[in-house]
Amino acid sequence: MLINCVAYRDGAKLADIATEDISDYISQPGCFVWVALRDASDVELHQMQHEFGLHDLAVEDARHGHQRPKIEEYGNSVFAVLHLLELTPTDELRLGELNVFAGPNYVLSVRNSSSQGFLGVRERCEREPALLRQGSSFVLYALMDAVVDRYFPLVDALESELETIEDQIFDRGAGRANIERLYQLKHKVTVLRHAVSPLLDAVGKLYGGRVPSVCLASTDYFRDIADHLARLQTAIDTIRDTIGTAIQVNLSMVTIEESEVTKRLAAWAGIFAVATFFVGVWGMNFKHMPELEQPWAYPAALGLIATTCGAMYWRFRRVGWL
């Protein structure tokens, strides 16, 4: 679906144009066209490929989706794949994708499986005509910067969720629930890491070494994106390490709780074993057991059993087994 199609010259907006008129504008000196599509159909992609001369492999990646974040160079154009992540109302992490084609006189962005729009990015670029004069390279930077900036609230949300789980680790009986939540959180962190780590390596192509010609005007801005990605990578690694530590502590707490239950059971088993011993001795039908014939034998036996069991209970309580 077409979101908008706009022509620019010298950092200023010329007009909203029809897709059929794209070729007329990109042929003009100093003019470039910025097209935004959402969940593009095969027909729309084929039309954009015809208008801009897009590479077949790049179009195929955009058509099929589910690509690893990457930046590839095709002749005098660049093709970038970025993951769009957003938390749903049920705290699940939804994965979308943004494909950006950038050439000397055009930018085509194709957003798939995501409700996050980029109208704010276009407004930002139009408010800064001095930067927009850099052409498609600055638009590419602005789109990438918007995607990367949206990762920071996700990191904050994951850190807050981790802190909440850590506060409950020492609650009795919460071991299984905590482990399940930690593994769910670990899955979210892994998804975020898969979005950030490949992009960190790819962005290095846009400001260091042999930079694609379409990006030469904005190398300093791409370096800024790399700095943001490095900060995100550090935060993600910290969260992953903390999750691993939390899982180990949680498993240790489960083991301690099981050990305490075992000690309680052993203590009560020992108390009842003593009572069973006395009852078993006096329950044997031997002829020569003179105490059985005494009138005080029964209460004395009960008293001895109660006293012994009470002494053992006191001892177990003192050592913390009961």
C-alpha atoms as a PDB file:
ATOM      1  CA  MET A   1       0.000   0.000   0.000  1.00  0.00           C
ATOM      2  CA  LEU A   2       1.336   3.426  -0.931  1.00  0.00           C
ATOM      3  CA  ILE A   3       1.781   5.763   2.045  1.00  0.00           C
ATOM      4  CA  ASN A   4       3.211   8.744   0.212  1.00  0.00           C
ATOM      5  CA  CYS A   5       5.334   9.677  -2.763  1.00  0.00           C
ATOM      6  CA  VAL A   6       7.081  13.048  -2.606  1.00  0.00           C
ATOM      7  CA  ALA A   7       9.613  14.850  -4.795  1.00  0.00           C
ATOM      8  CA  TYR A   8      12.328  17.101  -3.287  1.00  0.00           C
ATOM      9  CA  ARG A   9      14.866  19.540  -4.703  1.00  0.00           C
ATOM     10  CA  ASP A  10      17.629  21.388  -2.816  1.00  0.00           C
ATOM     11  CA  GLY A  11      16.234  20.365   0.551  1.00  0.00           C
ATOM     12  CA  ALA A  12      12.708  21.595  -0.168  1.00  0.00           C
ATOM     13  CA  LYS A  13       9.546  19.688  -0.935  1.00  0.00           C
ATOM     14  CA  LEU A  14       8.320  20.122  -4.495  1.00  0.00           C
ATOM     15  CA  ALA A  15       5.046  18.190  -4.465  1.00  0.00           C
ATOM     16  CA  ASP A  16       3.237  14.968  -3.711  1.00  0.00           C
ATOM     17  CA  ILE A  17       3.379  13.105  -6.971  1.00  0.00           C
ATOM     18  CA  ALA A  18       1.826  10.054  -8.544  1.00  0.00           C
ATOM     19  CA  THR A  19       3.982   6.959  -8.923  1.00  0.00           C
ATOM     20  CA  GLU A  20       3.576   7.217 -12.709  1.00  0.00           C
ATOM     21  CA  ASP A  21       5.406  10.564 -12.624  1.00  0.00           C
ATOM     22  CA  ILE A  22       8.470   9.338 -10.687  1.00  0.00           C
ATOM     23  CA  SER A  23      10.663   8.949 -13.728  1.00  0.00           C
ATOM     24  CA  ASP A  24       9.908  12.535 -14.781  1.00  0.00           C
ATOM     25  CA  TYR A  25      11.214  13.931 -11.491  1.00  0.00           C
ATOM     26  CA  ILE A  26      14.271  11.725 -10.891  1.00  0.00           C
ATOM     27  CA  SER A  27      15.545  12.740 -14.316  1.00  0.00           C
ATOM     28  CA  GLN A  28      15.696  16.379 -13.207  1.00  0.00           C
ATOM     29  CA  PRO A  29      19.045  17.667 -11.813  1.00  0.00           C
ATOM     30  CA  GLY A  30      19.202  18.022  -8.013  1.00  0.00           C
ATOM     31  CA  CYS A  31      15.861  16.268  -7.523  1.00  0.00           C
ATOM     32  CA  PHE A  32      15.122  13.058  -5.644  1.00  0.00           C
ATOM     33  CA  VAL A  33      11.935  11.140  -4.841  1.00  0.00           C
ATOM     34  CA  TRP A  34      11.040   9.545  -1.520  1.00  0.00           C
ATOM     35  CA  VAL A  35       8.444   6.780  -1.693  1.00  0.00           C
ATOM     36  CA  ALA A  36       7.023   4.971   1.349  1.00  0.00           C
ATOM     37  CA  LEU A  37       5.133   1.680   1.050  1.00  0.00           C
ATOM     38  CA  ARG A  38       3.473  -0.495   3.648  1.00  0.00           C
ATOM     39  CA  ASP A  39       3.047  -4.262   3.125  1.00  0.00           C
ATOM     40  CA  ALA A  40       3.778  -3.749  -0.540  1.00  0.00           C
ATOM     41  CA  SER A  41       2.242  -6.075  -3.085  1.00  0.00           C
ATOM     42  CA  ASP A  42       4.201  -7.759  -5.867  1.00  0.00           C
ATOM     43  CA  VAL A  43       2.686  -5.322  -8.340  1.00  0.00           C
ATOM     44  CA  GLU A  44       3.851  -2.300  -6.350  1.00  0.00           C
ATOM     45  CA  LEU A  45       7.358  -3.690  -5.932  1.00  0.00           C
ATOM     46  CA  HIS A  46       7.558  -4.480  -9.627  1.00  0.00           C
ATOM     47  CA  GLN A  47       6.491  -0.922 -10.461  1.00  0.00           C
ATOM     48  CA  MET A  48       9.113   0.548  -8.088  1.00  0.00           C
ATOM     49  CA  GLN A  49      11.759  -1.741  -9.562  1.00  0.00           C
ATOM     50  CA  HIS A  50      10.898  -0.461 -13.006  1.00  0.00           C
ATOM     51  CA  GLU A  51      10.916   3.201 -11.934  1.00  0.00           C
ATOM     52  CA  PHE A  52      14.155   3.115  -9.912  1.00  0.00           C
ATOM     53  CA  GLY A  53      16.034   0.252 -11.579  1.00  0.00           C
ATOM     54  CA  LEU A  54      16.268  -1.797  -8.370  1.00  0.00           C
ATOM     55  CA  HIS A  55      18.399  -4.918  -8.272  1.00  0.00           C
ATOM     56  CA  ASP A  56      16.520  -8.206  -8.610  1.00  0.00           C
ATOM     57  CA  LEU A  57      18.078  -9.758  -5.490  1.00  0.00           C
ATOM     58  CA  ALA A  58      17.216  -6.748  -3.322  1.00  0.00           C
ATOM     59  CA  VAL A  59      13.618  -6.764  -4.563  1.00  0.00           C
ATOM     60  CA  GLU A  60      13.377 -10.490  -3.895  1.00  0.00           C
ATOM     61  CA  ASP A  61      14.545  -9.961  -0.296  1.00  0.00           C
ATOM     62  CA  ALA A  62      11.984  -7.202   0.192  1.00  0.00           C
ATOM     63  CA  ARG A  63       9.244  -9.372  -1.303  1.00  0.00           C
ATOM     64  CA  HIS A  64       9.867 -12.435   0.864  1.00  0.00           C
ATOM     65  CA  GLY A  65      10.941 -10.672   4.066  1.00  0.00           C
ATOM     66  CA  HIS A  66      12.281 -12.453   7.173  1.00  0.00           C
ATOM     67  CA  GLN A  67      15.781 -11.236   6.390  1.00  0.00           C
ATOM     68  CA  ARG A  68      18.668 -10.779   8.773  1.00  0.00           C
ATOM     69  CA  PRO A  69      19.460  -7.082   9.409  1.00  0.00           C
ATOM     70  CA  LYS A  70      21.993  -6.098   6.780  1.00  0.00           C
ATOM     71  CA  ILE A  71      23.242  -3.364   4.442  1.00  0.00           C
ATOM     72  CA  GLU A  72      24.206  -4.356   0.917  1.00  0.00           C
ATOM     73  CA  GLU A  73      25.575  -2.334  -1.965  1.00  0.00           C
ATOM     74  CA  TYR A  74      24.311  -2.817  -5.493  1.00  0.00           C
ATOM     75  CA  GLY A  75      26.184  -0.616  -7.963  1.00  0.00           C
ATOM     76  CA  ASN A  76      25.464   2.993  -6.974  1.00  0.00           C
ATOM     77  CA  SER A  77      22.616   2.078  -4.629  1.00  0.00           C
ATOM     78  CA  VAL A  78      22.303   0.684  -1.100  1.00  0.00           C
ATOM     79  CA  PHE A  79      19.768  -1.809   0.250  1.00  0.00           C
ATOM     80  CA  ALA A  80      19.202  -1.923   4.014  1.00  0.00           C
ATOM     81  CA  VAL A  81      17.133  -4.339   6.077  1.00  0.00           C
ATOM     82  CA  LEU A  82      16.173  -3.360   9.628  1.00  0.00           C
ATOM     83  CA  HIS A  83      13.996  -5.119  12.178  1.00  0.00           C
ATOM     84  CA  LEU A  84      11.066  -3.247  13.697  1.00  0.00           C
ATOM     85  CA  LEU A  85      10.264  -4.345  17.247  1.00  0.00           C
ATOM     86  CA  GLU A  86       7.300  -3.347  19.385  1.00  0.00           C
ATOM     87  CA  LEU A  87       5.756  -4.593  22.610  1.00  0.00           C
ATOM     88  CA  THR A  88       2.134  -5.715  22.347  1.00  0.00           C
ATOM     89  CA  PRO A  89      -0.439  -5.045  25.130  1.00  0.00           C
ATOM     90  CA  THR A  90       0.263  -8.611  26.330  1.00  0.00           C
ATOM     91  CA  ASP A  91       4.011  -7.813  26.676  1.00  0.00           C
ATOM     92  CA  GLU A  92       4.965  -9.956  23.713  1.00  0.00           C
ATOM     93  CA  LEU A  93       7.595  -8.748  21.272  1.00  0.00           C
ATOM     94  CA  ARG A  94       6.216  -8.311  17.760  1.00  0.00           C
ATOM     95  CA  LEU A  95       8.706  -8.428  14.898  1.00  0.00           C
ATOM     96  CA  GLY A  96       8.372  -6.353  11.740  1.00  0.00           C
ATOM     97  CA  GLU A  97      10.753  -5.304   8.997  1.00  0.00           C
ATOM     98  CA  LEU A  98      11.815  -2.165   7.163  1.00  0.00           C
ATOM     99  CA  ASN A  99      13.505  -2.423   3.782  1.00  0.00           C
ATOM    100  CA  VAL A 100      15.141   0.731   2.444  1.00  0.00           C
ATOM    101  CA  PHE A 101      16.421   1.228  -1.102  1.00  0.00           C
ATOM    102  CA  ALA A 102      18.593   4.337  -1.473  1.00  0.00           C
ATOM    103  CA  GLY A 103      20.077   5.591  -4.709  1.00  0.00           C
ATOM    104  CA  PRO A 104      21.502   8.914  -5.954  1.00  0.00           C
ATOM    105  CA  ASN A 105      18.044  10.326  -6.672  1.00  0.00           C
ATOM    106  CA  TYR A 106      15.568   8.188  -4.774  1.00  0.00           C
ATOM    107  CA  VAL A 107      14.672   6.555  -1.464  1.00  0.00           C
ATOM    108  CA  LEU A 108      12.149   3.734  -1.240  1.00  0.00           C
ATOM    109  CA  SER A 109      11.094   2.437   2.171  1.00  0.00           C
ATOM    110  CA  VAL A 110       8.972  -0.705   2.455  1.00  0.00           C
ATOM    111  CA  ARG A 111       7.484  -1.443   5.884  1.00  0.00           C
ATOM    112  CA  ASN A 112       6.167  -4.947   6.570  1.00  0.00           C
ATOM    113  CA  SER A 113       4.226  -6.474   9.485  1.00  0.00           C
ATOM    114  CA  SER A 114       4.467  -3.398  11.690  1.00  0.00           C
ATOM    115  CA  SER A 115       2.082  -0.689  12.854  1.00  0.00           C
ATOM    116  CA  GLN A 116       4.932   1.756  13.544  1.00  0.00           C
ATOM    117  CA  GLY A 117       4.853   4.540  10.999  1.00  0.00           C
ATOM    118  CA  PHE A 118       7.578   6.948   9.897  1.00  0.00           C
ATOM    119  CA  LEU A 119       5.593  10.086   9.153  1.00  0.00           C
ATOM    120  CA  GLY A 120       7.511  11.797  11.952  1.00  0.00           C
ATOM    121  CA  VAL A 121      10.768  11.044  10.153  1.00  0.00           C
ATOM    122  CA  ARG A 122       9.548  12.738   6.990  1.00  0.00           C
ATOM    123  CA  GLU A 123       8.397  15.780   8.984  1.00  0.00           C
ATOM    124  CA  ARG A 124      11.777  15.936  10.723  1.00  0.00           C
ATOM    125  CA  CYS A 125      13.648  15.889   7.415  1.00  0.00           C
ATOM    126  CA  GLU A 126      11.419  18.573   5.906  1.00  0.00           C
ATOM    127  CA  ARG A 127      12.053  20.814   8.927  1.00  0.00           C
ATOM    128  CA  GLU A 128      15.806  20.615   8.271  1.00  0.00           C
ATOM    129  CA  PRO A 129      16.286  21.656   4.628  1.00  0.00           C
ATOM    130  CA  ALA A 130      20.015  22.225   5.123  1.00  0.00           C
ATOM    131  CA  LEU A 131      20.430  18.536   5.969  1.00  0.00           C
ATOM    132  CA  LEU A 132      17.871  17.357   3.457  1.00  0.00           C
ATOM    133  CA  ARG A 133      20.070  18.903   0.754  1.00  0.00           C
ATOM    134  CA  GLN A 134      22.376  15.926   1.342  1.00  0.00           C
ATOM    135  CA  GLY A 135      19.710  13.983  -0.523  1.00  0.00           C
ATOM    136  CA  SER A 136      18.911  10.327  -0.154  1.00  0.00           C
ATOM    137  CA  SER A 137      21.847   9.666   2.195  1.00  0.00           C
ATOM    138  CA  PHE A 138      20.325  11.849   4.923  1.00  0.00           C
ATOM    139  CA  VAL A 139      16.900  10.221   4.451  1.00  0.00           C
ATOM    140  CA  LEU A 140      18.510   6.808   4.813  1.00  0.00           C
ATOM    141  CA  TYR A 141      20.214   8.012   7.994  1.00  0.00           C
ATOM    142  CA  ALA A 142      16.957   9.472   9.365  1.00  0.00           C
ATOM    143  CA  LEU A 143      15.061   6.214   8.793  1.00  0.00           C
ATOM    144  CA  MET A 144      17.802   4.105  10.373  1.00  0.00           C
ATOM    145  CA  ASP A 145      18.137   6.506  13.279  1.00  0.00           C
ATOM    146  CA  ALA A 146      14.387   6.331  13.951  1.00  0.00           C
ATOM    147  CA  VAL A 147      14.482   2.526  14.018  1.00  0.00           C
ATOM    148  CA  VAL A 148      17.508   2.401  16.324  1.00  0.00           C
ATOM    149  CA  ASP A 149      16.068   5.018  18.694  1.00  0.00           C
ATOM    150  CA  ARG A 150      12.972   2.848  19.127  1.00  0.00           C
ATOM    151  CA  TYR A 151      15.152   0.080  20.543  1.00  0.00           C
ATOM    152  CA  PHE A 152      16.063   2.129  23.627  1.00  0.00           C
ATOM    153  CA  PRO A 153      12.550   2.081  25.213  1.00  0.00           C
ATOM    154  CA  LEU A 154      12.509  -1.687  24.657  1.00  0.00           C
ATOM    155  CA  VAL A 155      15.788  -2.046  26.537  1.00  0.00           C
ATOM    156  CA  ASP A 156      14.383   0.064  29.384  1.00  0.00           C
ATOM    157  CA  ALA A 157      11.242  -2.099  29.485  1.00  0.00           C
ATOM    158  CA  LEU A 158      13.284  -5.311  29.572  1.00  0.00           C
ATOM    159  CA  GLU A 159      15.498  -3.940  32.350  1.00  0.00           C
ATOM    160  CA  SER A 160      12.409  -2.991  34.397  1.00  0.00           C
ATOM    161  CA  GLU A 161      10.923  -6.455  33.889  1.00  0.00           C
ATOM    162  CA  LEU A 162      14.192  -8.044  34.969  1.00  0.00           C
ATOM    163  CA  GLU A 163      14.324  -5.900  38.117  1.00  0.00           C
ATOM    164  CA  THR A 164      10.769  -6.951  38.994  1.00  0.00           C
ATOM    165  CA  ILE A 165      11.694 -10.629  38.668  1.00  0.00           C
ATOM    166  CA  GLU A 166      14.865 -10.132  40.727  1.00  0.00           C
ATOM    167  CA  ASP A 167      12.800  -8.627  43.557  1.00  0.00           C
ATOM    168  CA  GLN A 168      10.741 -11.847  43.680  1.00  0.00           C
ATOM    169  CA  ILE A 169      13.580 -14.357  43.505  1.00  0.00           C
ATOM    170  CA  PHE A 170      13.754 -14.762  47.296  1.00  0.00           C
ATOM    171  CA  ASP A 171       9.980 -15.134  47.727  1.00  0.00           C
ATOM    172  CA  ARG A 172       9.176 -18.614  49.007  1.00  0.00           C
ATOM    173  CA  GLY A 173       7.473 -20.836  46.455  1.00  0.00           C
ATOM    174  CA  ALA A 174       8.056 -18.499  43.490  1.00  0.00           C
ATOM    175  CA  GLY A 175      10.878 -20.527  41.938  1.00  0.00           C
ATOM    176  CA  ARG A 176       9.060 -22.151  39.013  1.00  0.00           C
ATOM    177  CA  ALA A 177       7.183 -18.984  38.042  1.00  0.00           C
ATOM    178  CA  ASN A 178      10.393 -16.939  38.170  1.00  0.00           C
ATOM    179  CA  ILE A 179      12.270 -19.380  35.939  1.00  0.00           C
ATOM    180  CA  GLU A 180       9.458 -19.308  33.366  1.00  0.00           C
ATOM    181  CA  ARG A 181       9.443 -15.497  33.357  1.00  0.00           C
ATOM    182  CA  LEU A 182      13.231 -15.374  33.083  1.00  0.00           C
ATOM    183  CA  TYR A 183      13.227 -17.656  30.053  1.00  0.00           C
ATOM    184  CA  GLN A 184      10.485 -15.581  28.410  1.00  0.00           C
ATOM    185  CA  LEU A 185      12.552 -12.474  29.071  1.00  0.00           C
ATOM    186  CA  LYS A 186      15.636 -14.193  27.686  1.00  0.00           C
ATOM    187  CA  HIS A 187      13.721 -14.892  24.470  1.00  0.00           C
ATOM    188  CA  LYS A 188      12.817 -11.194  24.112  1.00  0.00           C
ATOM    189  CA  VAL A 189      16.417 -10.170  24.708  1.00  0.00           C
ATOM    190  CA  THR A 190      17.567 -12.652  22.074  1.00  0.00           C
ATOM    191  CA  VAL A 191      15.137 -11.195  19.518  1.00  0.00           C
ATOM    192  CA  LEU A 192      16.410  -7.683  20.287  1.00  0.00           C
ATOM    193  CA  ARG A 193      20.014  -8.848  20.059  1.00  0.00           C
ATOM    194  CA  HIS A 194      19.357 -10.382  16.638  1.00  0.00           C
ATOM    195  CA  ALA A 195      18.102  -6.976  15.506  1.00  0.00           C
ATOM    196  CA  VAL A 196      21.021  -4.974  16.917  1.00  0.00           C
ATOM    197  CA  SER A 197      24.173  -7.090  16.536  1.00  0.00           C
ATOM    198  CA  PRO A 198      24.114  -7.650  12.739  1.00  0.00           C
ATOM    199  CA  LEU A 199      23.185  -4.005  12.189  1.00  0.00           C
ATOM    200  CA  LEU A 200      26.151  -2.846  14.274  1.00  0.00           C
ATOM    201  CA  ASP A 201      28.518  -4.666  11.939  1.00  0.00           C
ATOM    202  CA  ALA A 202      26.676  -3.510   8.817  1.00  0.00           C
ATOM    203  CA  VAL A 203      26.604   0.199   9.680  1.00  0.00           C
ATOM    204  CA  GLY A 204      30.397   0.219   9.760  1.00  0.00           C
ATOM    205  CA  LYS A 205      30.309   0.038   5.956  1.00  0.00           C
ATOM    206  CA  LEU A 206      28.617   3.436   5.797  1.00  0.00           C
ATOM    207  CA  TYR A 207      31.258   5.557   7.510  1.00  0.00           C
ATOM    208  CA  GLY A 208      34.557   3.690   7.431  1.00  0.00           C
ATOM    209  CA  GLY A 209      36.680   2.259   4.652  1.00  0.00           C
ATOM    210  CA  ARG A 210      35.165   2.297   1.182  1.00  0.00           C
ATOM    211  CA  VAL A 211      31.886   4.071   1.794  1.00  0.00           C
ATOM    212  CA  PRO A 212      29.132   3.654  -0.843  1.00  0.00           C
ATOM    213  CA  SER A 213      28.889   6.763  -2.974  1.00  0.00           C
ATOM    214  CA  VAL A 214      25.275   7.349  -2.032  1.00  0.00           C
ATOM    215  CA  CYS A 215      26.259   7.651   1.644  1.00  0.00           C
ATOM    216  CA  LEU A 216      29.332   9.870   1.373  1.00  0.00           C
ATOM    217  CA  ALA A 217      27.478  13.062   2.325  1.00  0.00           C
ATOM    218  CA  SER A 218      26.321  11.692   5.701  1.00  0.00           C
ATOM    219  CA  THR A 219      29.171   9.578   7.074  1.00  0.00           C
ATOM    220  CA  ASP A 220      29.280  11.487  10.370  1.00  0.00           C
ATOM    221  CA  TYR A 221      25.605  10.753  10.946  1.00  0.00           C
ATOM    222  CA  PHE A 222      26.037   7.043  10.269  1.00  0.00           C
ATOM    223  CA  ARG A 223      28.861   7.018  12.811  1.00  0.00           C
ATOM    224  CA  ASP A 224      26.373   8.396  15.340  1.00  0.00           C
ATOM    225  CA  ILE A 225      24.051   5.460  14.610  1.00  0.00           C
ATOM    226  CA  ALA A 226      26.959   3.091  15.217  1.00  0.00           C
ATOM    227  CA  ASP A 227      27.545   4.717  18.618  1.00  0.00           C
ATOM    228  CA  HIS A 228      23.886   4.192  19.542  1.00  0.00           C
ATOM    229  CA  LEU A 229      24.047   0.578  18.432  1.00  0.00           C
ATOM    230  CA  ALA A 230      27.195   0.009  20.501  1.00  0.00           C
ATOM    231  CA  ARG A 231      25.384   1.359  23.589  1.00  0.00           C
ATOM    232  CA  LEU A 232      22.445  -0.927  22.872  1.00  0.00           C
ATOM    233  CA  GLN A 233      24.754  -3.905  22.430  1.00  0.00           C
ATOM    234  CA  THR A 234      26.396  -3.221  25.789  1.00  0.00           C
ATOM    235  CA  ALA A 235      23.025  -2.913  27.525  1.00  0.00           C
ATOM    236  CA  ILE A 236      21.766  -6.130  25.911  1.00  0.00           C
ATOM    237  CA  ASP A 237      24.881  -8.049  26.957  1.00  0.00           C
ATOM    238  CA  THR A 238      24.461  -6.767  30.514  1.00  0.00           C
ATOM    239  CA  ILE A 239      20.830  -7.901  30.600  1.00  0.00           C
ATOM    240  CA  ARG A 240      21.767 -11.330  29.234  1.00  0.00           C
ATOM    241  CA  ASP A 241      24.476 -11.782  31.864  1.00  0.00           C
ATOM    242  CA  THR A 242      22.102 -10.672  34.609  1.00  0.00           C
ATOM    243  CA  ILE A 243      19.427 -13.086  33.400  1.00  0.00           C
ATOM    244  CA  GLY A 244      21.943 -15.943  33.497  1.00  0.00           C
ATOM    245  CA  THR A 245      22.940 -14.997  37.044  1.00  0.00           C
ATOM    246  CA  ALA A 246      19.295 -14.670  38.093  1.00  0.00           C
ATOM    247  CA  ILE A 247      18.493 -18.117  36.714  1.00  0.00           C
ATOM    248  CA  GLN A 248      21.381 -19.649  38.666  1.00  0.00           C
ATOM    249  CA  VAL A 249      20.345 -17.861  41.876  1.00  0.00           C
ATOM    250  CA  ASN A 250      16.746 -18.926  41.355  1.00  0.00           C
ATOM    251  CA  LEU A 251      17.769 -22.558  40.857  1.00  0.00           C
ATOM    252  CA  SER A 252      19.868 -22.328  44.014  1.00  0.00           C
ATOM    253  CA  MET A 253      16.871 -21.002  45.926  1.00  0.00           C
ATOM    254  CA  VAL A 254      14.763 -23.894  44.649  1.00  0.00           C
ATOM    255  CA  THR A 255      17.451 -26.330  45.829  1.00  0.00           C
ATOM    256  CA  ILE A 256      17.592 -24.643  49.244  1.00  0.00           C
ATOM    257  CA  GLU A 257      13.798 -24.831  49.598  1.00  0.00           C
ATOM    258  CA  GLU A 258      13.845 -28.513  48.649  1.00  0.00           C
ATOM    259  CA  SER A 259      16.634 -29.113  51.171  1.00  0.00           C
ATOM    260  CA  GLU A 260      14.603 -27.425  53.903  1.00  0.00           C
ATOM    261  CA  VAL A 261      11.596 -29.607  53.097  1.00  0.00           C
ATOM    262  CA  THR A 262      13.818 -32.688  53.180  1.00  0.00           C
ATOM    263  CA  LYS A 263      15.187 -31.700  56.590  1.00  0.00           C
ATOM    264  CA  ARG A 264      11.688 -31.206  57.984  1.00  0.00           C
ATOM    265  CA  LEU A 265      10.578 -34.576  56.695  1.00  0.00           C
ATOM    266  CA  ALA A 266      13.719 -36.220  58.098  1.00  0.00           C
ATOM    267  CA  ALA A 267      13.165 -34.574  61.482  1.00  0.00           C
ATOM    268  CA  TRP A 268       9.551 -35.740  61.762  1.00  0.00           C
ATOM    269  CA  ALA A 269      10.575 -39.189  60.501  1.00  0.00           C
ATOM    270  CA  GLY A 270      13.185 -39.387  63.284  1.00  0.00           C
ATOM    271  CA  ILE A 271      10.646 -38.369  65.947  1.00  0.00           C
ATOM    272  CA  PHE A 272       8.105 -40.937  64.825  1.00  0.00           C
ATOM    273  CA  ALA A 273      10.850 -43.575  64.470  1.00  0.00           C
ATOM    274  CA  VAL A 274      11.649 -43.256  68.205  1.00  0.00           C
ATOM    275  CA  ALA A 275       7.978 -43.552  69.130  1.00  0.00           C
ATOM    276  CA  THR A 276       7.638 -46.549  66.825  1.00  0.00           C
ATOM    277  CA  PHE A 277      10.681 -48.185  68.443  1.00  0.00           C
ATOM    278  CA  PHE A 278       9.247 -47.974  71.959  1.00  0.00           C
ATOM    279  CA  VAL A 279       5.824 -49.131  70.868  1.00  0.00           C
ATOM    280  CA  GLY A 280       7.374 -51.984  68.900  1.00  0.00           C
ATOM    281  CA  VAL A 281       9.441 -53.155  71.892  1.00  0.00           C
ATOM    282  CA  TRP A 282       6.504 -53.167  74.280  1.00  0.00           C
ATOM    283  CA  GLY A 283       4.279 -54.680  71.648  1.00  0.00           C
ATOM    284  CA  MET A 284       6.330 -57.910  71.524  1.00  0.00           C
ATOM    285  CA  ASN A 285       4.650 -60.886  73.238  1.00  0.00           C
ATOM    286  CA  PHE A 286       7.539 -62.054  75.393  1.00  0.00           C
ATOM    287  CA  LYS A 287       6.606 -63.798  78.662  1.00  0.00           C
ATOM    288  CA  HIS A 288       9.311 -62.249  80.829  1.00  0.00           C
ATOM    289  CA  MET A 289       8.585 -58.511  80.566  1.00  0.00           C
ATOM    290  CA  PRO A 290       7.806 -57.707  84.220  1.00  0.00           C
ATOM    291  CA  GLU A 291       7.055 -54.005  83.578  1.00  0.00           C
ATOM    292  CA  LEU A 292       4.010 -54.978  81.546  1.00  0.00           C
ATOM    293  CA  GLU A 293       2.372 -56.351  84.665  1.00  0.00           C
ATOM    294  CA  GLN A 294       2.793 -53.156  86.696  1.00  0.00           C
ATOM    295  CA  PRO A 295      -0.163 -50.750  87.043  1.00  0.00           C
ATOM    296  CA  TRP A 296       2.064 -47.759  86.239  1.00  0.00           C
ATOM    297  CA  ALA A 297       3.586 -49.358  83.126  1.00  0.00           C
ATOM    298  CA  TYR A 298       1.150 -47.920  80.570  1.00  0.00           C
ATOM    299  CA  PRO A 299       1.295 -44.259  81.679  1.00  0.00           C
ATOM    300  CA  ALA A 300       5.053 -44.568  82.236  1.00  0.00           C
ATOM    301  CA  ALA A 301       5.524 -45.858  78.702  1.00  0.00           C
ATOM    302  CA  LEU A 302       3.437 -43.019  77.238  1.00  0.00           C
ATOM    303  CA  GLY A 303       5.363 -40.512  79.351  1.00  0.00           C
ATOM    304  CA  LEU A 304       8.706 -41.855  78.186  1.00  0.00           C
ATOM    305  CA  ILE A 305       7.614 -41.758  74.541  1.00  0.00           C
ATOM    306  CA  ALA A 306       6.262 -38.205  74.904  1.00  0.00           C
ATOM    307  CA  THR A 307       9.380 -37.003  76.743  1.00  0.00           C
ATOM    308  CA  THR A 308      11.768 -38.509  74.183  1.00  0.00           C
ATOM    309  CA  CYS A 309       9.800 -37.156  71.234  1.00  0.00           C
ATOM    310  CA  GLY A 310       9.557 -33.740  72.866  1.00  0.00           C
ATOM    311  CA  ALA A 311      13.319 -33.660  73.473  1.00  0.00           C
ATOM    312  CA  MET A 312      13.991 -34.545  69.846  1.00  0.00           C
ATOM    313  CA  TYR A 313      11.502 -31.901  68.646  1.00  0.00           C
ATOM    314  CA  TRP A 314      13.243 -29.264  70.778  1.00  0.00           C
ATOM    315  CA  ARG A 315      16.616 -30.293  69.431  1.00  0.00           C
ATOM    316  CA  PHE A 316      15.472 -30.174  65.795  1.00  0.00           C
ATOM    317  CA  ARG A 317      13.888 -26.775  66.366  1.00  0.00           C
ATOM    318  CA  ARG A 318      17.118 -25.481  67.844  1.00  0.00           C
ATOM    319  CA  VAL A 319      19.213 -26.518  64.830  1.00  0.00           C
ATOM    320  CA  GLY A 320      16.620 -25.085  62.407  1.00  0.00           C
ATOM    321  CA  TRP A 321      15.243 -28.298  60.979  1.00  0.00           C
ATOM    322  CA  LEU A 322      11.724 -27.589  62.226  1.00  0.00           C
END
